[in-house]
PDB file of all heavy atoms in Angstrom:
ATOM      1  N   THR A   1      65.695 140.898  66.006  1.00  0.00           N
ATOM      2  CA  THR A   1      64.564 139.971  65.967  1.00  0.00           C
ATOM      3  C   THR A   1      64.763 138.738  66.836  1.00  0.00           C
ATOM      4  O   THR A   1      63.814 137.997  67.087  1.00  0.00           O
ATOM      5  CB  THR A   1      64.291 139.498  64.529  1.00  0.00           C
ATOM      6  OG1 THR A   1      65.443 138.786  64.039  1.00  0.00           O
ATOM      7  CG2 THR A   1      64.007 140.693  63.624  1.00  0.00           C
ATOM      8  N   SER A   2      65.986 138.497  67.301  1.00  0.00           N
ATOM      9  CA  SER A   2      66.246 137.320  68.118  1.00  0.00           C
ATOM     10  C   SER A   2      67.333 137.630  69.136  1.00  0.00           C
ATOM     11  O   SER A   2      68.063 138.625  69.011  1.00  0.00           O
ATOM     12  CB  SER A   2      66.649 136.115  67.259  1.00  0.00           C
ATOM     13  OG  SER A   2      67.819 136.397  66.504  1.00  0.00           O
ATOM     14  N   ILE A   3      67.415 136.778  70.142  1.00  0.00           N
ATOM     15  CA  ILE A   3      68.383 136.940  71.223  1.00  0.00           C
ATOM     16  C   ILE A   3      69.077 135.604  71.443  1.00  0.00           C
ATOM     17  O   ILE A   3      68.433 134.553  71.511  1.00  0.00           O
ATOM     18  CB  ILE A   3      67.696 137.407  72.517  1.00  0.00           C
ATOM     19  CG1 ILE A   3      67.142 138.824  72.332  1.00  0.00           C
ATOM     20  CG2 ILE A   3      68.648 137.346  73.702  1.00  0.00           C
ATOM     21  CD1 ILE A   3      66.229 139.266  73.445  1.00  0.00           C
ATOM     22  N   PHE A   4      70.392 135.643  71.548  1.00  0.00           N
ATOM     23  CA  PHE A   4      71.187 134.462  71.828  1.00  0.00           C
ATOM     24  C   PHE A   4      71.560 134.456  73.306  1.00  0.00           C
ATOM     25  O   PHE A   4      71.823 135.503  73.900  1.00  0.00           O
ATOM     26  CB  PHE A   4      72.459 134.451  70.979  1.00  0.00           C
ATOM     27  CG  PHE A   4      72.215 134.286  69.508  1.00  0.00           C
ATOM     28  CD1 PHE A   4      71.727 135.333  68.742  1.00  0.00           C
ATOM     29  CD2 PHE A   4      72.472 133.076  68.882  1.00  0.00           C
ATOM     30  CE1 PHE A   4      71.506 135.185  67.386  1.00  0.00           C
ATOM     31  CE2 PHE A   4      72.254 132.919  67.524  1.00  0.00           C
ATOM     32  CZ  PHE A   4      71.765 133.974  66.771  1.00  0.00           C
ATOM     33  N   ALA A   5      71.596 133.273  73.915  1.00  0.00           N
ATOM     34  CA  ALA A   5      71.955 133.168  75.328  1.00  0.00           C
ATOM     35  C   ALA A   5      72.475 131.770  75.606  1.00  0.00           C
ATOM     36  O   ALA A   5      72.141 130.804  74.906  1.00  0.00           O
ATOM     37  CB  ALA A   5      70.750 133.466  76.224  1.00  0.00           C
ATOM     38  N   THR A   6      73.304 131.674  76.637  1.00  0.00           N
ATOM     39  CA  THR A   6      73.761 130.376  77.117  1.00  0.00           C
ATOM     40  C   THR A   6      72.743 129.819  78.097  1.00  0.00           C
ATOM     41  O   THR A   6      72.281 130.527  78.988  1.00  0.00           O
ATOM     42  CB  THR A   6      75.132 130.500  77.801  1.00  0.00           C
ATOM     43  OG1 THR A   6      76.107 130.866  76.823  1.00  0.00           O
ATOM     44  CG2 THR A   6      75.547 129.187  78.448  1.00  0.00           C
ATOM     45  N   VAL A   7      72.373 128.562  77.914  1.00  0.00           N
ATOM     46  CA  VAL A   7      71.438 127.869  78.801  1.00  0.00           C
ATOM     47  C   VAL A   7      72.155 126.669  79.397  1.00  0.00           C
ATOM     48  O   VAL A   7      72.680 125.820  78.670  1.00  0.00           O
ATOM     49  CB  VAL A   7      70.177 127.413  78.040  1.00  0.00           C
ATOM     50  CG1 VAL A   7      69.248 126.640  78.964  1.00  0.00           C
ATOM     51  CG2 VAL A   7      69.454 128.606  77.428  1.00  0.00           C
ATOM     52  N   ILE A   8      72.192 126.609  80.732  1.00  0.00           N
ATOM     53  CA  ILE A   8      72.846 125.507  81.435  1.00  0.00           C
ATOM     54  C   ILE A   8      71.772 124.623  82.066  1.00  0.00           C
ATOM     55  O   ILE A   8      70.952 125.103  82.858  1.00  0.00           O
ATOM     56  CB  ILE A   8      73.806 126.021  82.513  1.00  0.00           C
ATOM     57  CG1 ILE A   8      74.905 126.875  81.872  1.00  0.00           C
ATOM     58  CG2 ILE A   8      74.431 124.860  83.283  1.00  0.00           C
ATOM     59  CD1 ILE A   8      75.860 127.502  82.876  1.00  0.00           C
ATOM     60  N   THR A   9      71.773 123.376  81.701  1.00  0.00           N
ATOM     61  CA  THR A   9      70.810 122.417  82.243  1.00  0.00           C
ATOM     62  C   THR A   9      71.559 121.389  83.084  1.00  0.00           C
ATOM     63  O   THR A   9      72.722 121.074  82.829  1.00  0.00           O
ATOM     64  CB  THR A   9      70.044 121.702  81.126  1.00  0.00           C
ATOM     65  OG1 THR A   9      70.977 121.072  80.230  1.00  0.00           O
ATOM     66  CG2 THR A   9      69.208 122.699  80.337  1.00  0.00           C
ATOM     67  N   SER A  10      70.859 120.866  84.079  1.00  0.00           N
ATOM     68  CA  SER A  10      71.467 119.889  84.976  1.00  0.00           C
ATOM     69  C   SER A  10      70.561 118.680  85.104  1.00  0.00           C
ATOM     70  O   SER A  10      69.330 118.785  85.079  1.00  0.00           O
ATOM     71  CB  SER A  10      71.706 120.502  86.362  1.00  0.00           C
ATOM     72  OG  SER A  10      72.577 121.610  86.285  1.00  0.00           O
ATOM     73  N   ALA A  11      71.192 117.520  85.256  1.00  0.00           N
ATOM     74  CA  ALA A  11      70.482 116.269  85.515  1.00  0.00           C
ATOM     75  C   ALA A  11      71.299 115.495  86.530  1.00  0.00           C
ATOM     76  O   ALA A  11      72.378 114.992  86.206  1.00  0.00           O
ATOM     77  CB  ALA A  11      70.292 115.463  84.230  1.00  0.00           C
ATOM     78  N   GLY A  12      70.810 115.442  87.771  1.00  0.00           N
ATOM     79  CA  GLY A  12      71.603 114.828  88.825  1.00  0.00           C
ATOM     80  C   GLY A  12      72.835 115.663  89.109  1.00  0.00           C
ATOM     81  O   GLY A  12      72.756 116.861  89.359  1.00  0.00           O
ATOM     82  N   PHE A  13      74.002 115.028  89.018  1.00  0.00           N
ATOM     83  CA  PHE A  13      75.258 115.727  89.247  1.00  0.00           C
ATOM     84  C   PHE A  13      75.910 116.160  87.937  1.00  0.00           C
ATOM     85  O   PHE A  13      77.053 116.624  87.935  1.00  0.00           O
ATOM     86  CB  PHE A  13      76.229 114.832  90.030  1.00  0.00           C
ATOM     87  CG  PHE A  13      75.761 114.537  91.433  1.00  0.00           C
ATOM     88  CD1 PHE A  13      75.165 113.325  91.729  1.00  0.00           C
ATOM     89  CD2 PHE A  13      75.907 115.475  92.431  1.00  0.00           C
ATOM     90  CE1 PHE A  13      74.735 113.039  93.021  1.00  0.00           C
ATOM     91  CE2 PHE A  13      75.475 115.209  93.716  1.00  0.00           C
ATOM     92  CZ  PHE A  13      74.888 113.987  94.018  1.00  0.00           C
ATOM     93  N   SER A  14      75.213 116.005  86.851  1.00  0.00           N
ATOM     94  CA  SER A  14      75.764 116.353  85.540  1.00  0.00           C
ATOM     95  C   SER A  14      75.129 117.636  85.018  1.00  0.00           C
ATOM     96  O   SER A  14      73.925 117.880  85.205  1.00  0.00           O
ATOM     97  CB  SER A  14      75.506 115.206  84.552  1.00  0.00           C
ATOM     98  OG  SER A  14      75.963 115.550  83.263  1.00  0.00           O
ATOM     99  N   SER A  15      75.921 118.468  84.367  1.00  0.00           N
ATOM    100  CA  SER A  15      75.398 119.701  83.788  1.00  0.00           C
ATOM    101  C   SER A  15      76.135 119.997  82.494  1.00  0.00           C
ATOM    102  O   SER A  15      77.261 119.525  82.273  1.00  0.00           O
ATOM    103  CB  SER A  15      75.557 120.877  84.763  1.00  0.00           C
ATOM    104  OG  SER A  15      76.914 121.101  85.064  1.00  0.00           O
ATOM    105  N   GLN A  16      75.495 120.766  81.628  1.00  0.00           N
ATOM    106  CA  GLN A  16      76.136 121.159  80.381  1.00  0.00           C
ATOM    107  C   GLN A  16      75.572 122.489  79.914  1.00  0.00           C
ATOM    108  O   GLN A  16      74.442 122.861  80.241  1.00  0.00           O
ATOM    109  CB  GLN A  16      75.932 120.105  79.296  1.00  0.00           C
ATOM    110  CG  GLN A  16      74.495 119.904  78.866  1.00  0.00           C
ATOM    111  CD  GLN A  16      74.369 118.946  77.688  1.00  0.00           C
ATOM    112  OE1 GLN A  16      75.353 118.483  77.137  1.00  0.00           O
ATOM    113  NE2 GLN A  16      73.140 118.657  77.297  1.00  0.00           N
ATOM    114  N   ALA A  17      76.391 123.222  79.155  1.00  0.00           N
ATOM    115  CA  ALA A  17      75.998 124.511  78.612  1.00  0.00           C
ATOM    116  C   ALA A  17      75.743 124.385  77.116  1.00  0.00           C
ATOM    117  O   ALA A  17      76.423 123.623  76.416  1.00  0.00           O
ATOM    118  CB  ALA A  17      77.089 125.545  78.866  1.00  0.00           C
ATOM    119  N   GLU A  18      74.748 125.117  76.634  1.00  0.00           N
ATOM    120  CA  GLU A  18      74.421 125.173  75.215  1.00  0.00           C
ATOM    121  C   GLU A  18      74.082 126.607  74.844  1.00  0.00           C
ATOM    122  O   GLU A  18      73.631 127.387  75.694  1.00  0.00           O
ATOM    123  CB  GLU A  18      73.233 124.271  74.882  1.00  0.00           C
ATOM    124  CG  GLU A  18      73.458 122.801  75.174  1.00  0.00           C
ATOM    125  CD  GLU A  18      72.201 121.963  74.917  1.00  0.00           C
ATOM    126  OE1 GLU A  18      71.087 122.522  75.050  1.00  0.00           O
ATOM    127  OE2 GLU A  18      72.340 120.780  74.591  1.00  0.00           O
ATOM    128  N   LEU A  19      74.288 126.957  73.585  1.00  0.00           N
ATOM    129  CA  LEU A  19      73.872 128.266  73.084  1.00  0.00           C
ATOM    130  C   LEU A  19      72.541 128.124  72.365  1.00  0.00           C
ATOM    131  O   LEU A  19      72.385 127.259  71.489  1.00  0.00           O
ATOM    132  CB  LEU A  19      74.913 128.845  72.122  1.00  0.00           C
ATOM    133  CG  LEU A  19      76.066 129.639  72.731  1.00  0.00           C
ATOM    134  CD1 LEU A  19      77.016 130.121  71.643  1.00  0.00           C
ATOM    135  CD2 LEU A  19      75.550 130.820  73.538  1.00  0.00           C
ATOM    136  N   TRP A  20      71.591 128.975  72.739  1.00  0.00           N
ATOM    137  CA  TRP A  20      70.263 128.959  72.147  1.00  0.00           C
ATOM    138  C   TRP A  20      69.940 130.316  71.532  1.00  0.00           C
ATOM    139  O   TRP A  20      70.464 131.344  71.959  1.00  0.00           O
ATOM    140  CB  TRP A  20      69.214 128.624  73.211  1.00  0.00           C
ATOM    141  CG  TRP A  20      69.151 127.161  73.554  1.00  0.00           C
ATOM    142  CD1 TRP A  20      70.113 126.413  74.165  1.00  0.00           C
ATOM    143  CD2 TRP A  20      68.056 126.274  73.291  1.00  0.00           C
ATOM    144  NE1 TRP A  20      69.704 125.118  74.305  1.00  0.00           N
ATOM    145  CE2 TRP A  20      68.440 124.998  73.782  1.00  0.00           C
ATOM    146  CE3 TRP A  20      66.806 126.434  72.703  1.00  0.00           C
ATOM    147  CZ2 TRP A  20      67.605 123.894  73.689  1.00  0.00           C
ATOM    148  CZ3 TRP A  20      65.963 125.325  72.613  1.00  0.00           C
ATOM    149  CH2 TRP A  20      66.362 124.082  73.096  1.00  0.00           C
ATOM    150  N   ARG A  21      69.077 130.279  70.534  1.00  0.00           N
ATOM    151  CA  ARG A  21      68.546 131.498  69.922  1.00  0.00           C
ATOM    152  C   ARG A  21      67.040 131.542  70.186  1.00  0.00           C
ATOM    153  O   ARG A  21      66.322 130.570  69.946  1.00  0.00           O
ATOM    154  CB  ARG A  21      68.812 131.523  68.419  1.00  0.00           C
ATOM    155  CG  ARG A  21      68.126 132.681  67.693  1.00  0.00           C
ATOM    156  CD  ARG A  21      68.629 132.825  66.254  1.00  0.00           C
ATOM    157  NE  ARG A  21      68.694 131.544  65.577  1.00  0.00           N
ATOM    158  CZ  ARG A  21      69.440 131.305  64.490  1.00  0.00           C
ATOM    159  NH1 ARG A  21      70.188 132.265  63.995  1.00  0.00           N
ATOM    160  NH2 ARG A  21      69.430 130.127  63.918  1.00  0.00           N
ATOM    161  N   PHE A  22      66.564 132.700  70.699  1.00  0.00           N
ATOM    162  CA  PHE A  22      65.153 132.866  71.034  1.00  0.00           C
ATOM    163  C   PHE A  22      64.545 133.986  70.186  1.00  0.00           C
ATOM    164  O   PHE A  22      65.130 135.064  70.060  1.00  0.00           O
ATOM    165  CB  PHE A  22      64.982 133.183  72.518  1.00  0.00           C
ATOM    166  CG  PHE A  22      65.464 132.093  73.427  1.00  0.00           C
ATOM    167  CD1 PHE A  22      66.747 132.137  73.956  1.00  0.00           C
ATOM    168  CD2 PHE A  22      64.648 131.017  73.736  1.00  0.00           C
ATOM    169  CE1 PHE A  22      67.208 131.124  74.795  1.00  0.00           C
ATOM    170  CE2 PHE A  22      65.096 130.000  74.570  1.00  0.00           C
ATOM    171  CZ  PHE A  22      66.379 130.051  75.093  1.00  0.00           C
ATOM    172  N   ASP A  23      63.374 133.710  69.646  1.00  0.00           N
ATOM    173  CA  ASP A  23      62.673 134.684  68.825  1.00  0.00           C
ATOM    174  C   ASP A  23      62.038 135.745  69.717  1.00  0.00           C
ATOM    175  O   ASP A  23      61.334 135.419  70.679  1.00  0.00           O
ATOM    176  CB  ASP A  23      61.601 133.981  67.987  1.00  0.00           C
ATOM    177  CG  ASP A  23      60.859 134.942  67.089  1.00  0.00           C
ATOM    178  OD1 ASP A  23      61.453 135.425  66.119  1.00  0.00           O
ATOM    179  OD2 ASP A  23      59.666 135.212  67.382  1.00  0.00           O
ATOM    180  N   VAL A  24      62.275 137.018  69.416  1.00  0.00           N
ATOM    181  CA  VAL A  24      61.771 138.099  70.257  1.00  0.00           C
ATOM    182  C   VAL A  24      60.251 138.180  70.202  1.00  0.00           C
ATOM    183  O   VAL A  24      59.595 138.490  71.197  1.00  0.00           O
ATOM    184  CB  VAL A  24      62.406 139.442  69.841  1.00  0.00           C
ATOM    185  CG1 VAL A  24      61.721 140.617  70.522  1.00  0.00           C
ATOM    186  CG2 VAL A  24      63.894 139.440  70.164  1.00  0.00           C
ATOM    187  N   ALA A  25      59.653 137.906  69.066  1.00  0.00           N
ATOM    188  CA  ALA A  25      58.207 138.023  68.929  1.00  0.00           C
ATOM    189  C   ALA A  25      57.463 136.910  69.645  1.00  0.00           C
ATOM    190  O   ALA A  25      56.467 137.151  70.334  1.00  0.00           O
ATOM    191  CB  ALA A  25      57.832 138.043  67.451  1.00  0.00           C
ATOM    192  N   SER A  26      57.940 135.665  69.520  1.00  0.00           N
ATOM    193  CA  SER A  26      57.196 134.525  70.053  1.00  0.00           C
ATOM    194  C   SER A  26      57.801 133.918  71.305  1.00  0.00           C
ATOM    195  O   SER A  26      57.107 133.209  72.047  1.00  0.00           O
ATOM    196  CB  SER A  26      57.099 133.434  68.978  1.00  0.00           C
ATOM    197  OG  SER A  26      58.383 132.879  68.706  1.00  0.00           O
ATOM    198  N   GLY A  27      59.083 134.126  71.542  1.00  0.00           N
ATOM    199  CA  GLY A  27      59.759 133.481  72.660  1.00  0.00           C
ATOM    200  C   GLY A  27      60.232 132.073  72.351  1.00  0.00           C
ATOM    201  O   GLY A  27      60.872 131.431  73.190  1.00  0.00           O
ATOM    202  N   GLY A  28      59.911 131.573  71.172  1.00  0.00           N
ATOM    203  CA  GLY A  28      60.345 130.236  70.791  1.00  0.00           C
ATOM    204  C   GLY A  28      61.849 130.156  70.654  1.00  0.00           C
ATOM    205  O   GLY A  28      62.499 131.118  70.244  1.00  0.00           O
ATOM    206  N   GLY A  29      62.422 128.993  71.018  1.00  0.00           N
ATOM    207  CA  GLY A  29      63.867 128.852  71.003  1.00  0.00           C
ATOM    208  C   GLY A  29      64.353 127.662  70.208  1.00  0.00           C
ATOM    209  O   GLY A  29      63.620 126.686  70.012  1.00  0.00           O
ATOM    210  N   GLU A  30      65.592 127.743  69.759  1.00  0.00           N
ATOM    211  CA  GLU A  30      66.250 126.637  69.077  1.00  0.00           C
ATOM    212  C   GLU A  30      67.718 126.601  69.485  1.00  0.00           C
ATOM    213  O   GLU A  30      68.345 127.643  69.687  1.00  0.00           O
ATOM    214  CB  GLU A  30      66.144 126.776  67.555  1.00  0.00           C
ATOM    215  CG  GLU A  30      66.814 128.026  67.002  1.00  0.00           C
ATOM    216  CD  GLU A  30      66.813 128.046  65.499  1.00  0.00           C
ATOM    217  OE1 GLU A  30      66.646 126.970  64.882  1.00  0.00           O
ATOM    218  OE2 GLU A  30      66.997 129.135  64.917  1.00  0.00           O
ATOM    219  N   ARG A  31      68.258 125.404  69.627  1.00  0.00           N
ATOM    220  CA  ARG A  31      69.662 125.261  69.985  1.00  0.00           C
ATOM    221  C   ARG A  31      70.541 125.563  68.783  1.00  0.00           C
ATOM    222  O   ARG A  31      70.292 125.089  67.675  1.00  0.00           O
ATOM    223  CB  ARG A  31      69.945 123.851  70.493  1.00  0.00           C
ATOM    224  CG  ARG A  31      71.347 123.680  71.049  1.00  0.00           C
ATOM    225  CD  ARG A  31      71.564 122.291  71.598  1.00  0.00           C
ATOM    226  NE  ARG A  31      71.489 121.280  70.549  1.00  0.00           N
ATOM    227  CZ  ARG A  31      71.518 119.969  70.758  1.00  0.00           C
ATOM    228  NH1 ARG A  31      71.588 119.515  71.999  1.00  0.00           N
ATOM    229  NH2 ARG A  31      71.436 119.123  69.758  1.00  0.00           N
ATOM    230  N   VAL A  32      71.570 126.368  69.019  1.00  0.00           N
ATOM    231  CA  VAL A  32      72.483 126.763  67.945  1.00  0.00           C
ATOM    232  C   VAL A  32      73.816 126.035  68.070  1.00  0.00           C
ATOM    233  O   VAL A  32      74.377 125.575  67.078  1.00  0.00           O
ATOM    234  CB  VAL A  32      72.710 128.289  67.958  1.00  0.00           C
ATOM    235  CG1 VAL A  32      73.706 128.701  66.877  1.00  0.00           C
ATOM    236  CG2 VAL A  32      71.393 129.029  67.769  1.00  0.00           C
TER     237      VAL A  32
END
């Protein structure tokens, strides 16, 4: 029912990785 993935975001020269969970039915996500 859901998919977990690493999402890397960047702002300027800074970046960070986070683990998110996405709902398969709606595509909505939440940080885990």
